Amino acid sequence: LGTYGEDVYNPYYDVRAMQLAYSMLKPGGKAYVTVPYGQAFIQQEWHWRVYDKVTLMHRIVHKFGGAELMFFTSAACELDGKEVQAGMMLSMEAADRYCGSPPHVTVLCVMTKAG
């Protein structure tokens, strides 16, 4: 893992960060992580990613024994042809349907280390 401000690209910084977070928790400990969520995994630059269902589970949640996922709009946006306000809670199915740009859906992952 590089140093903050280092201009070195590693497409797996997020995976390494989750490994480190997991290693620091006691059994039963929780990690709270928020990431942008969309229909497809996007990695445009080393510091910016949007996760879809598959990459969220594989790159963020995979090491933990359990995870609670909460989806919400992080800005006002259009979903299913209707305007929705920032902070609106969504189901995973509704979050999966959002296809706007930039991503205005965020997922809060509350993950518990297996004990």
PDB file of N, CA and C in Angstrom:
ATOM      1  N   LEU A   1       0.856  -1.175   0.000  1.00  0.00           N
ATOM      2  CA  LEU A   1       0.000   0.000   0.000  1.00  0.00           C
ATOM      3  C   LEU A   1       0.894   1.227   0.000  1.00  0.00           C
ATOM      4  N   GLY A   2       0.626   2.164  -0.875  1.00  0.00           N
ATOM      5  CA  GLY A   2       1.436   3.370  -0.981  1.00  0.00           C
ATOM      6  C   GLY A   2       1.131   4.372   0.118  1.00  0.00           C
ATOM      7  N   THR A   3       1.892   5.426   0.129  1.00  0.00           N
ATOM      8  CA  THR A   3       1.732   6.499   1.088  1.00  0.00           C
ATOM      9  C   THR A   3       0.757   7.523   0.546  1.00  0.00           C
ATOM     10  N   TYR A   4      -0.019   8.152   1.415  1.00  0.00           N
ATOM     11  CA  TYR A   4      -0.970   9.176   0.985  1.00  0.00           C
ATOM     12  C   TYR A   4      -0.236  10.245   0.183  1.00  0.00           C
ATOM     13  N   GLY A   5      -0.790  10.610  -0.947  1.00  0.00           N
ATOM     14  CA  GLY A   5      -0.179  11.621  -1.799  1.00  0.00           C
ATOM     15  C   GLY A   5       0.783  11.028  -2.815  1.00  0.00           C
ATOM     16  N   GLU A   6       1.096   9.767  -2.678  1.00  0.00           N
ATOM     17  CA  GLU A   6       1.992   9.096  -3.607  1.00  0.00           C
ATOM     18  C   GLU A   6       1.281   8.928  -4.944  1.00  0.00           C
ATOM     19  N   ASP A   7       1.945   9.225  -6.008  1.00  0.00           N
ATOM     20  CA  ASP A   7       1.328   9.135  -7.326  1.00  0.00           C
ATOM     21  C   ASP A   7       1.651   7.802  -7.989  1.00  0.00           C
ATOM     22  N   VAL A   8       1.349   6.720  -7.266  1.00  0.00           N
ATOM     23  CA  VAL A   8       1.595   5.375  -7.760  1.00  0.00           C
ATOM     24  C   VAL A   8       0.240   4.700  -7.919  1.00  0.00           C
ATOM     25  N   TYR A   9      -0.011   4.139  -9.092  1.00  0.00           N
ATOM     26  CA  TYR A   9      -1.301   3.515  -9.352  1.00  0.00           C
ATOM     27  C   TYR A   9      -1.255   2.030  -9.009  1.00  0.00           C
ATOM     28  N   ASN A  10      -2.230   1.591  -8.253  1.00  0.00           N
ATOM     29  CA  ASN A  10      -2.409   0.175  -7.964  1.00  0.00           C
ATOM     30  C   ASN A  10      -3.905  -0.092  -8.039  1.00  0.00           C
ATOM     31  N   PRO A  11      -4.362  -0.901  -8.996  1.00  0.00           N
ATOM     32  CA  PRO A  11      -5.804  -1.129  -9.144  1.00  0.00           C
ATOM     33  C   PRO A  11      -6.430  -1.887  -7.977  1.00  0.00           C
ATOM     34  N   TYR A  12      -5.625  -2.331  -7.023  1.00  0.00           N
ATOM     35  CA  TYR A  12      -6.151  -3.094  -5.891  1.00  0.00           C
ATOM     36  C   TYR A  12      -5.932  -2.410  -4.552  1.00  0.00           C
ATOM     37  N   TYR A  13      -5.771  -1.086  -4.547  1.00  0.00           N
ATOM     38  CA  TYR A  13      -5.654  -0.351  -3.283  1.00  0.00           C
ATOM     39  C   TYR A  13      -6.863  -0.602  -2.388  1.00  0.00           C
ATOM     40  N   ASP A  14      -8.044  -0.660  -2.973  1.00  0.00           N
ATOM     41  CA  ASP A  14      -9.247  -0.862  -2.172  1.00  0.00           C
ATOM     42  C   ASP A  14      -9.242  -2.225  -1.489  1.00  0.00           C
ATOM     43  N   VAL A  15      -8.807  -3.244  -2.192  1.00  0.00           N
ATOM     44  CA  VAL A  15      -8.739  -4.589  -1.618  1.00  0.00           C
ATOM     45  C   VAL A  15      -7.728  -4.608  -0.477  1.00  0.00           C
ATOM     46  N   ARG A  16      -6.588  -3.994  -0.685  1.00  0.00           N
ATOM     47  CA  ARG A  16      -5.551  -3.940   0.349  1.00  0.00           C
ATOM     48  C   ARG A  16      -6.049  -3.159   1.570  1.00  0.00           C
ATOM     49  N   ALA A  17      -6.748  -2.068   1.342  1.00  0.00           N
ATOM     50  CA  ALA A  17      -7.285  -1.283   2.454  1.00  0.00           C
ATOM     51  C   ALA A  17      -8.259  -2.116   3.276  1.00  0.00           C
ATOM     52  N   MET A  18      -9.093  -2.914   2.627  1.00  0.00           N
ATOM     53  CA  MET A  18     -10.051  -3.749   3.362  1.00  0.00           C
ATOM     54  C   MET A  18      -9.334  -4.861   4.114  1.00  0.00           C
ATOM     55  N   GLN A  19      -8.252  -5.410   3.543  1.00  0.00           N
ATOM     56  CA  GLN A  19      -7.463  -6.413   4.258  1.00  0.00           C
ATOM     57  C   GLN A  19      -6.880  -5.814   5.536  1.00  0.00           C
ATOM     58  N   LEU A  20      -6.377  -4.598   5.445  1.00  0.00           N
ATOM     59  CA  LEU A  20      -5.813  -3.942   6.623  1.00  0.00           C
ATOM     60  C   LEU A  20      -6.886  -3.649   7.669  1.00  0.00           C
ATOM     61  N   ALA A  21      -8.044  -3.164   7.225  1.00  0.00           N
ATOM     62  CA  ALA A  21      -9.140  -2.889   8.158  1.00  0.00           C
ATOM     63  C   ALA A  21      -9.555  -4.171   8.872  1.00  0.00           C
ATOM     64  N   TYR A  22      -9.678  -5.248   8.119  1.00  0.00           N
ATOM     65  CA  TYR A  22     -10.069  -6.537   8.689  1.00  0.00           C
ATOM     66  C   TYR A  22      -9.049  -7.000   9.726  1.00  0.00           C
ATOM     67  N   SER A  23      -7.763  -6.849   9.411  1.00  0.00           N
ATOM     68  CA  SER A  23      -6.715  -7.330  10.316  1.00  0.00           C
ATOM     69  C   SER A  23      -6.682  -6.552  11.630  1.00  0.00           C
ATOM     70  N   MET A  24      -7.188  -5.335  11.651  1.00  0.00           N
ATOM     71  CA  MET A  24      -7.153  -4.515  12.860  1.00  0.00           C
ATOM     72  C   MET A  24      -8.342  -4.746  13.788  1.00  0.00           C
ATOM     73  N   LEU A  25      -9.366  -5.416  13.286  1.00  0.00           N
ATOM     74  CA  LEU A  25     -10.558  -5.640  14.105  1.00  0.00           C
ATOM     75  C   LEU A  25     -10.426  -6.880  14.976  1.00  0.00           C
ATOM     76  N   LYS A  26     -11.039  -6.811  16.144  1.00  0.00           N
ATOM     77  CA  LYS A  26     -11.173  -7.985  16.992  1.00  0.00           C
ATOM     78  C   LYS A  26     -12.340  -8.812  16.447  1.00  0.00           C
ATOM     79  N   PRO A  27     -12.413 -10.110  16.755  1.00  0.00           N
ATOM     80  CA  PRO A  27     -13.586 -10.884  16.349  1.00  0.00           C
ATOM     81  C   PRO A  27     -14.861 -10.220  16.863  1.00  0.00           C
ATOM     82  N   GLY A  28     -15.827 -10.089  16.015  1.00  0.00           N
ATOM     83  CA  GLY A  28     -17.076  -9.415  16.348  1.00  0.00           C
ATOM     84  C   GLY A  28     -17.022  -7.911  16.132  1.00  0.00           C
ATOM     85  N   GLY A  29     -15.814  -7.382  15.834  1.00  0.00           N
ATOM     86  CA  GLY A  29     -15.673  -5.949  15.575  1.00  0.00           C
ATOM     87  C   GLY A  29     -16.328  -5.557  14.262  1.00  0.00           C
ATOM     88  N   LYS A  30     -16.669  -4.285  14.142  1.00  0.00           N
ATOM     89  CA  LYS A  30     -17.376  -3.800  12.953  1.00  0.00           C
ATOM     90  C   LYS A  30     -16.555  -2.760  12.205  1.00  0.00           C
ATOM     91  N   ALA A  31     -16.694  -2.789  10.883  1.00  0.00           N
ATOM     92  CA  ALA A  31     -16.107  -1.772  10.011  1.00  0.00           C
ATOM     93  C   ALA A  31     -17.259  -1.099   9.272  1.00  0.00           C
ATOM     94  N   TYR A  32     -17.223   0.213   9.204  1.00  0.00           N
ATOM     95  CA  TYR A  32     -18.242   0.996   8.504  1.00  0.00           C
ATOM     96  C   TYR A  32     -17.574   1.651   7.303  1.00  0.00           C
ATOM     97  N   VAL A  33     -18.047   1.327   6.105  1.00  0.00           N
ATOM     98  CA  VAL A  33     -17.429   1.826   4.876  1.00  0.00           C
ATOM     99  C   VAL A  33     -18.530   2.311   3.943  1.00  0.00           C
ATOM    100  N   THR A  34     -18.336   3.471   3.332  1.00  0.00           N
ATOM    101  CA  THR A  34     -19.255   3.942   2.298  1.00  0.00           C
ATOM    102  C   THR A  34     -18.506   4.034   0.986  1.00  0.00           C
ATOM    103  N   VAL A  35     -19.185   3.626  -0.098  1.00  0.00           N
ATOM    104  CA  VAL A  35     -18.613   3.724  -1.443  1.00  0.00           C
ATOM    105  C   VAL A  35     -19.717   4.099  -2.430  1.00  0.00           C
ATOM    106  N   PRO A  36     -19.343   4.741  -3.548  1.00  0.00           N
ATOM    107  CA  PRO A  36     -20.320   5.002  -4.603  1.00  0.00           C
ATOM    108  C   PRO A  36     -20.797   3.676  -5.209  1.00  0.00           C
ATOM    109  N   TYR A  37     -22.067   3.640  -5.595  1.00  0.00           N
ATOM    110  CA  TYR A  37     -22.673   2.409  -6.109  1.00  0.00           C
ATOM    111  C   TYR A  37     -23.353   2.686  -7.435  1.00  0.00           C
ATOM    112  N   GLY A  38     -23.220   1.760  -8.377  1.00  0.00           N
ATOM    113  CA  GLY A  38     -23.853   1.904  -9.680  1.00  0.00           C
ATOM    114  C   GLY A  38     -24.081   0.567 -10.351  1.00  0.00           C
ATOM    115  N   GLN A  39     -24.471   0.617 -11.625  1.00  0.00           N
ATOM    116  CA  GLN A  39     -24.796  -0.602 -12.356  1.00  0.00           C
ATOM    117  C   GLN A  39     -23.575  -1.403 -12.786  1.00  0.00           C
ATOM    118  N   ALA A  40     -22.441  -0.749 -12.922  1.00  0.00           N
ATOM    119  CA  ALA A  40     -21.237  -1.435 -13.377  1.00  0.00           C
ATOM    120  C   ALA A  40     -20.034  -0.900 -12.618  1.00  0.00           C
ATOM    121  N   PHE A  41     -19.043  -1.751 -12.427  1.00  0.00           N
ATOM    122  CA  PHE A  41     -17.810  -1.341 -11.762  1.00  0.00           C
ATOM    123  C   PHE A  41     -17.080  -0.360 -12.663  1.00  0.00           C
ATOM    124  N   ILE A  42     -16.682   0.785 -12.106  1.00  0.00           N
ATOM    125  CA  ILE A  42     -15.961   1.812 -12.846  1.00  0.00           C
ATOM    126  C   ILE A  42     -14.717   2.167 -12.045  1.00  0.00           C
ATOM    127  N   GLN A  43     -13.599   2.199 -12.719  1.00  0.00           N
ATOM    128  CA  GLN A  43     -12.355   2.603 -12.080  1.00  0.00           C
ATOM    129  C   GLN A  43     -11.672   3.571 -13.040  1.00  0.00           C
ATOM    130  N   GLN A  44     -11.943   4.869 -12.870  1.00  0.00           N
ATOM    131  CA  GLN A  44     -11.416   5.843 -13.814  1.00  0.00           C
ATOM    132  C   GLN A  44     -10.027   6.340 -13.442  1.00  0.00           C
ATOM    133  N   GLU A  45      -9.768   6.458 -12.181  1.00  0.00           N
ATOM    134  CA  GLU A  45      -8.474   6.910 -11.708  1.00  0.00           C
ATOM    135  C   GLU A  45      -8.128   6.097 -10.479  1.00  0.00           C
ATOM    136  N   TRP A  46      -6.916   6.221 -10.007  1.00  0.00           N
ATOM    137  CA  TRP A  46      -6.477   5.406  -8.874  1.00  0.00           C
ATOM    138  C   TRP A  46      -7.286   5.675  -7.617  1.00  0.00           C
ATOM    139  N   HIS A  47      -7.867   6.838  -7.477  1.00  0.00           N
ATOM    140  CA  HIS A  47      -8.558   7.192  -6.233  1.00  0.00           C
ATOM    141  C   HIS A  47     -10.085   7.213  -6.372  1.00  0.00           C
ATOM    142  N   TRP A  48     -10.626   6.825  -7.529  1.00  0.00           N
ATOM    143  CA  TRP A  48     -12.065   6.934  -7.724  1.00  0.00           C
ATOM    144  C   TRP A  48     -12.624   5.662  -8.345  1.00  0.00           C
ATOM    145  N   ARG A  49     -13.543   5.022  -7.616  1.00  0.00           N
ATOM    146  CA  ARG A  49     -14.186   3.803  -8.102  1.00  0.00           C
ATOM    147  C   ARG A  49     -15.669   3.865  -7.795  1.00  0.00           C
ATOM    148  N   VAL A  50     -16.456   3.244  -8.657  1.00  0.00           N
ATOM    149  CA  VAL A  50     -17.880   3.030  -8.411  1.00  0.00           C
ATOM    150  C   VAL A  50     -18.068   1.522  -8.413  1.00  0.00           C
ATOM    151  N   TYR A  51     -18.744   1.002  -7.390  1.00  0.00           N
ATOM    152  CA  TYR A  51     -18.907  -0.434  -7.232  1.00  0.00           C
ATOM    153  C   TYR A  51     -20.281  -0.889  -7.668  1.00  0.00           C
ATOM    154  N   ASP A  52     -20.337  -2.035  -8.322  1.00  0.00           N
ATOM    155  CA  ASP A  52     -21.607  -2.704  -8.580  1.00  0.00           C
ATOM    156  C   ASP A  52     -21.730  -3.847  -7.573  1.00  0.00           C
ATOM    157  N   LYS A  53     -22.801  -4.621  -7.654  1.00  0.00           N
ATOM    158  CA  LYS A  53     -23.066  -5.666  -6.671  1.00  0.00           C
ATOM    159  C   LYS A  53     -21.916  -6.679  -6.584  1.00  0.00           C
ATOM    160  N   VAL A  54     -21.418  -7.127  -7.734  1.00  0.00           N
ATOM    161  CA  VAL A  54     -20.373  -8.155  -7.756  1.00  0.00           C
ATOM    162  C   VAL A  54     -19.070  -7.628  -7.157  1.00  0.00           C
ATOM    163  N   THR A  55     -18.621  -6.464  -7.603  1.00  0.00           N
ATOM    164  CA  THR A  55     -17.344  -5.951  -7.101  1.00  0.00           C
ATOM    165  C   THR A  55     -17.458  -5.484  -5.647  1.00  0.00           C
ATOM    166  N   LEU A  56     -18.609  -5.007  -5.241  1.00  0.00           N
ATOM    167  CA  LEU A  56     -18.809  -4.643  -3.840  1.00  0.00           C
ATOM    168  C   LEU A  56     -18.579  -5.862  -2.952  1.00  0.00           C
ATOM    169  N   MET A  57     -19.180  -6.971  -3.317  1.00  0.00           N
ATOM    170  CA  MET A  57     -19.039  -8.180  -2.514  1.00  0.00           C
ATOM    171  C   MET A  57     -17.618  -8.739  -2.600  1.00  0.00           C
ATOM    172  N   HIS A  58     -17.048  -8.740  -3.782  1.00  0.00           N
ATOM    173  CA  HIS A  58     -15.737  -9.349  -3.983  1.00  0.00           C
ATOM    174  C   HIS A  58     -14.592  -8.509  -3.415  1.00  0.00           C
ATOM    175  N   ARG A  59     -14.647  -7.200  -3.571  1.00  0.00           N
ATOM    176  CA  ARG A  59     -13.510  -6.358  -3.203  1.00  0.00           C
ATOM    177  C   ARG A  59     -13.641  -5.707  -1.827  1.00  0.00           C
ATOM    178  N   ILE A  60     -14.862  -5.527  -1.336  1.00  0.00           N
ATOM    179  CA  ILE A  60     -15.062  -4.822  -0.072  1.00  0.00           C
ATOM    180  C   ILE A  60     -15.536  -5.769   1.036  1.00  0.00           C
ATOM    181  N   VAL A  61     -16.566  -6.543   0.782  1.00  0.00           N
ATOM    182  CA  VAL A  61     -17.250  -7.301   1.827  1.00  0.00           C
ATOM    183  C   VAL A  61     -16.678  -8.711   2.030  1.00  0.00           C
ATOM    184  N   HIS A  62     -15.955  -9.260   1.074  1.00  0.00           N
ATOM    185  CA  HIS A  62     -15.620 -10.686   1.018  1.00  0.00           C
ATOM    186  C   HIS A  62     -14.972 -11.281   2.265  1.00  0.00           C
ATOM    187  N   LYS A  63     -14.157 -10.577   2.998  1.00  0.00           N
ATOM    188  CA  LYS A  63     -13.452 -11.161   4.145  1.00  0.00           C
ATOM    189  C   LYS A  63     -14.310 -11.225   5.415  1.00  0.00           C
ATOM    190  N   PHE A  64     -15.348 -10.432   5.468  1.00  0.00           N
ATOM    191  CA  PHE A  64     -16.115 -10.305   6.700  1.00  0.00           C
ATOM    192  C   PHE A  64     -17.166 -11.398   6.806  1.00  0.00           C
ATOM    193  N   GLY A  65     -17.507 -11.757   8.040  1.00  0.00           N
ATOM    194  CA  GLY A  65     -18.460 -12.829   8.271  1.00  0.00           C
ATOM    195  C   GLY A  65     -19.897 -12.444   7.976  1.00  0.00           C
ATOM    196  N   GLY A  66     -20.191 -11.170   8.034  1.00  0.00           N
ATOM    197  CA  GLY A  66     -21.539 -10.697   7.751  1.00  0.00           C
ATOM    198  C   GLY A  66     -21.503  -9.239   7.365  1.00  0.00           C
ATOM    199  N   ALA A  67     -22.492  -8.806   6.623  1.00  0.00           N
ATOM    200  CA  ALA A  67     -22.548  -7.404   6.211  1.00  0.00           C
ATOM    201  C   ALA A  67     -23.995  -6.959   6.103  1.00  0.00           C
ATOM    202  N   GLU A  68     -24.242  -5.758   6.582  1.00  0.00           N
ATOM    203  CA  GLU A  68     -25.532  -5.104   6.396  1.00  0.00           C
ATOM    204  C   GLU A  68     -25.286  -3.977   5.397  1.00  0.00           C
ATOM    205  N   LEU A  69     -26.054  -3.943   4.326  1.00  0.00           N
ATOM    206  CA  LEU A  69     -25.872  -2.946   3.277  1.00  0.00           C
ATOM    207  C   LEU A  69     -27.065  -2.004   3.273  1.00  0.00           C
ATOM    208  N   MET A  70     -26.790  -0.704   3.294  1.00  0.00           N
ATOM    209  CA  MET A  70     -27.836   0.311   3.247  1.00  0.00           C
ATOM    210  C   MET A  70     -27.538   1.245   2.083  1.00  0.00           C
ATOM    211  N   PHE A  71     -28.478   1.361   1.170  1.00  0.00           N
ATOM    212  CA  PHE A  71     -28.317   2.175  -0.026  1.00  0.00           C
ATOM    213  C   PHE A  71     -29.106   3.468   0.133  1.00  0.00           C
ATOM    214  N   PHE A  72     -28.504   4.573  -0.296  1.00  0.00           N
ATOM    215  CA  PHE A  72     -29.195   5.857  -0.213  1.00  0.00           C
ATOM    216  C   PHE A  72     -28.686   6.784  -1.311  1.00  0.00           C
ATOM    217  N   THR A  73     -29.507   7.774  -1.628  1.00  0.00           N
ATOM    218  CA  THR A  73     -29.089   8.776  -2.614  1.00  0.00           C
ATOM    219  C   THR A  73     -28.202   9.794  -1.917  1.00  0.00           C
ATOM    220  N   SER A  74     -27.074  10.092  -2.530  1.00  0.00           N
ATOM    221  CA  SER A  74     -26.148  11.053  -1.944  1.00  0.00           C
ATOM    222  C   SER A  74     -26.342  12.447  -2.516  1.00  0.00           C
ATOM    223  N   ALA A  75     -27.208  12.564  -3.517  1.00  0.00           N
ATOM    224  CA  ALA A  75     -27.575  13.853  -4.110  1.00  0.00           C
ATOM    225  C   ALA A  75     -28.939  13.657  -4.762  1.00  0.00           C
ATOM    226  N   ALA A  76     -29.638  14.751  -5.003  1.00  0.00           N
ATOM    227  CA  ALA A  76     -30.910  14.651  -5.733  1.00  0.00           C
ATOM    228  C   ALA A  76     -30.615  14.073  -7.117  1.00  0.00           C
ATOM    229  N   CYS A  77     -31.472  13.169  -7.576  1.00  0.00           N
ATOM    230  CA  CYS A  77     -31.255  12.537  -8.878  1.00  0.00           C
ATOM    231  C   CYS A  77     -32.577  11.988  -9.400  1.00  0.00           C
ATOM    232  N   GLU A  78     -32.532  11.453 -10.597  1.00  0.00           N
ATOM    233  CA  GLU A  78     -33.714  10.843 -11.188  1.00  0.00           C
ATOM    234  C   GLU A  78     -33.561   9.333 -11.119  1.00  0.00           C
ATOM    235  N   LEU A  79     -34.622   8.671 -10.665  1.00  0.00           N
ATOM    236  CA  LEU A  79     -34.636   7.215 -10.567  1.00  0.00           C
ATOM    237  C   LEU A  79     -35.988   6.720 -11.043  1.00  0.00           C
ATOM    238  N   ASP A  80     -35.971   5.839 -12.019  1.00  0.00           N
ATOM    239  CA  ASP A  80     -37.211   5.295 -12.598  1.00  0.00           C
ATOM    240  C   ASP A  80     -38.128   6.404 -13.107  1.00  0.00           C
ATOM    241  N   GLY A  81     -37.528   7.472 -13.667  1.00  0.00           N
ATOM    242  CA  GLY A  81     -38.296   8.567 -14.243  1.00  0.00           C
ATOM    243  C   GLY A  81     -38.847   9.554 -13.226  1.00  0.00           C
ATOM    244  N   LYS A  82     -38.472   9.409 -11.963  1.00  0.00           N
ATOM    245  CA  LYS A  82     -38.963  10.308 -10.919  1.00  0.00           C
ATOM    246  C   LYS A  82     -37.784  10.979 -10.228  1.00  0.00           C
ATOM    247  N   GLU A  83     -37.980  12.221  -9.829  1.00  0.00           N
ATOM    248  CA  GLU A  83     -36.958  12.952  -9.077  1.00  0.00           C
ATOM    249  C   GLU A  83     -36.978  12.467  -7.628  1.00  0.00           C
ATOM    250  N   VAL A  84     -35.807  12.115  -7.111  1.00  0.00           N
ATOM    251  CA  VAL A  84     -35.689  11.720  -5.710  1.00  0.00           C
ATOM    252  C   VAL A  84     -34.700  12.649  -5.015  1.00  0.00           C
ATOM    253  N   GLN A  85     -34.927  12.882  -3.760  1.00  0.00           N
ATOM    254  CA  GLN A  85     -34.111  13.806  -2.985  1.00  0.00           C
ATOM    255  C   GLN A  85     -32.870  13.111  -2.419  1.00  0.00           C
ATOM    256  N   ALA A  86     -31.887  13.903  -2.057  1.00  0.00           N
ATOM    257  CA  ALA A  86     -30.696  13.371  -1.393  1.00  0.00           C
ATOM    258  C   ALA A  86     -31.096  12.760  -0.058  1.00  0.00           C
ATOM    259  N   GLY A  87     -30.450  11.684   0.302  1.00  0.00           N
ATOM    260  CA  GLY A  87     -30.704  11.036   1.589  1.00  0.00           C
ATOM    261  C   GLY A  87     -31.830  10.032   1.579  1.00  0.00           C
ATOM    262  N   MET A  88     -32.429   9.778   0.430  1.00  0.00           N
ATOM    263  CA  MET A  88     -33.527   8.818   0.346  1.00  0.00           C
ATOM    264  C   MET A  88     -32.978   7.392   0.394  1.00  0.00           C
ATOM    265  N   MET A  89     -33.507   6.575   1.299  1.00  0.00           N
ATOM    266  CA  MET A  89     -33.088   5.174   1.393  1.00  0.00           C
ATOM    267  C   MET A  89     -33.652   4.406   0.201  1.00  0.00           C
ATOM    268  N   LEU A  90     -32.848   3.480  -0.330  1.00  0.00           N
ATOM    269  CA  LEU A  90     -33.236   2.675  -1.487  1.00  0.00           C
ATOM    270  C   LEU A  90     -33.045   1.200  -1.181  1.00  0.00           C
ATOM    271  N   SER A  91     -33.805   0.375  -1.857  1.00  0.00           N
ATOM    272  CA  SER A  91     -33.537  -1.061  -1.814  1.00  0.00           C
ATOM    273  C   SER A  91     -32.360  -1.338  -2.748  1.00  0.00           C
ATOM    274  N   MET A  92     -31.742  -2.509  -2.612  1.00  0.00           N
ATOM    275  CA  MET A  92     -30.658  -2.867  -3.516  1.00  0.00           C
ATOM    276  C   MET A  92     -31.174  -2.917  -4.954  1.00  0.00           C
ATOM    277  N   GLU A  93     -32.388  -3.381  -5.137  1.00  0.00           N
ATOM    278  CA  GLU A  93     -32.958  -3.467  -6.479  1.00  0.00           C
ATOM    279  C   GLU A  93     -33.095  -2.073  -7.104  1.00  0.00           C
ATOM    280  N   ALA A  94     -33.564  -1.104  -6.337  1.00  0.00           N
ATOM    281  CA  ALA A  94     -33.676   0.266  -6.848  1.00  0.00           C
ATOM    282  C   ALA A  94     -32.293   0.846  -7.122  1.00  0.00           C
ATOM    283  N   ALA A  95     -31.349   0.600  -6.224  1.00  0.00           N
ATOM    284  CA  ALA A  95     -29.977   1.083  -6.428  1.00  0.00           C
ATOM    285  C   ALA A  95     -29.379   0.480  -7.696  1.00  0.00           C
ATOM    286  N   ASP A  96     -29.691  -0.779  -7.968  1.00  0.00           N
ATOM    287  CA  ASP A  96     -29.193  -1.445  -9.177  1.00  0.00           C
ATOM    288  C   ASP A  96     -29.767  -0.827 -10.452  1.00  0.00           C
ATOM    289  N   ARG A  97     -30.929  -0.229 -10.359  1.00  0.00           N
ATOM    290  CA  ARG A  97     -31.551   0.379 -11.546  1.00  0.00           C
ATOM    291  C   ARG A  97     -31.008   1.774 -11.841  1.00  0.00           C
ATOM    292  N   TYR A  98     -30.400   2.417 -10.866  1.00  0.00           N
ATOM    293  CA  TYR A  98     -29.895   3.765 -11.097  1.00  0.00           C
ATOM    294  C   TYR A  98     -28.713   3.722 -12.062  1.00  0.00           C
ATOM    295  N   CYS A  99     -28.755   4.549 -13.091  1.00  0.00           N
ATOM    296  CA  CYS A  99     -27.682   4.535 -14.088  1.00  0.00           C
ATOM    297  C   CYS A  99     -27.202   5.940 -14.423  1.00  0.00           C
ATOM    298  N   GLY A 100     -27.401   6.900 -13.532  1.00  0.00           N
ATOM    299  CA  GLY A 100     -26.997   8.268 -13.791  1.00  0.00           C
ATOM    300  C   GLY A 100     -25.498   8.479 -13.646  1.00  0.00           C
ATOM    301  N   SER A 101     -25.073   9.617 -14.117  1.00  0.00           N
ATOM    302  CA  SER A 101     -23.674   9.988 -13.999  1.00  0.00           C
ATOM    303  C   SER A 101     -23.613  11.453 -13.616  1.00  0.00           C
ATOM    304  N   PRO A 102     -22.909  11.847 -12.583  1.00  0.00           N
ATOM    305  CA  PRO A 102     -22.091  10.981 -11.738  1.00  0.00           C
ATOM    306  C   PRO A 102     -22.960  10.105 -10.850  1.00  0.00           C
ATOM    307  N   PRO A 103     -22.337   9.117 -10.203  1.00  0.00           N
ATOM    308  CA  PRO A 103     -23.139   8.238  -9.343  1.00  0.00           C
ATOM    309  C   PRO A 103     -23.687   9.012  -8.150  1.00  0.00           C
ATOM    310  N   HIS A 104     -24.988   8.915  -7.949  1.00  0.00           N
ATOM    311  CA  HIS A 104     -25.612   9.584  -6.813  1.00  0.00           C
ATOM    312  C   HIS A 104     -26.219   8.582  -5.847  1.00  0.00           C
ATOM    313  N   VAL A 105     -25.769   7.352  -5.933  1.00  0.00           N
ATOM    314  CA  VAL A 105     -26.192   6.338  -4.973  1.00  0.00           C
ATOM    315  C   VAL A 105     -24.944   5.911  -4.207  1.00  0.00           C
ATOM    316  N   THR A 106     -25.090   5.837  -2.898  1.00  0.00           N
ATOM    317  CA  THR A 106     -24.002   5.424  -2.022  1.00  0.00           C
ATOM    318  C   THR A 106     -24.478   4.211  -1.237  1.00  0.00           C
ATOM    319  N   VAL A 107     -23.563   3.321  -0.944  1.00  0.00           N
ATOM    320  CA  VAL A 107     -23.899   2.177  -0.091  1.00  0.00           C
ATOM    321  C   VAL A 107     -23.049   2.254   1.175  1.00  0.00           C
ATOM    322  N   LEU A 108     -23.716   2.131   2.307  1.00  0.00           N
ATOM    323  CA  LEU A 108     -23.044   2.025   3.596  1.00  0.00           C
ATOM    324  C   LEU A 108     -22.959   0.549   3.915  1.00  0.00           C
ATOM    325  N   CYS A 109     -21.749   0.055   4.099  1.00  0.00           N
ATOM    326  CA  CYS A 109     -21.519  -1.340   4.436  1.00  0.00           C
ATOM    327  C   CYS A 109     -21.127  -1.423   5.905  1.00  0.00           C
ATOM    328  N   VAL A 110     -21.940  -2.085   6.692  1.00  0.00           N
ATOM    329  CA  VAL A 110     -21.618  -2.329   8.097  1.00  0.00           C
ATOM    330  C   VAL A 110     -21.225  -3.797   8.159  1.00  0.00           C
ATOM    331  N   MET A 111     -19.922  -4.027   8.303  1.00  0.00           N
ATOM    332  CA  MET A 111     -19.396  -5.389   8.197  1.00  0.00           C
ATOM    333  C   MET A 111     -18.832  -5.849   9.532  1.00  0.00           C
ATOM    334  N   THR A 112     -19.095  -7.106   9.854  1.00  0.00           N
ATOM    335  CA  THR A 112     -18.665  -7.674  11.122  1.00  0.00           C
ATOM    336  C   THR A 112     -17.612  -8.734  10.875  1.00  0.00           C
ATOM    337  N   LYS A 113     -16.509  -8.659  11.630  1.00  0.00           N
ATOM    338  CA  LYS A 113     -15.467  -9.670  11.502  1.00  0.00           C
ATOM    339  C   LYS A 113     -15.950 -10.947  12.173  1.00  0.00           C
ATOM    340  N   ALA A 114     -15.770 -12.046  11.445  1.00  0.00           N
ATOM    341  CA  ALA A 114     -16.180 -13.343  11.981  1.00  0.00           C
ATOM    342  C   ALA A 114     -15.444 -13.616  13.286  1.00  0.00           C
ATOM    343  N   GLY A 115     -16.119 -14.270  14.186  1.00  0.00           N
ATOM    344  CA  GLY A 115     -15.516 -14.518  15.489  1.00  0.00           C
ATOM    345  C   GLY A 115     -15.402 -15.951  15.754  1.00  0.00           C
TER     346      GLY A 115
END
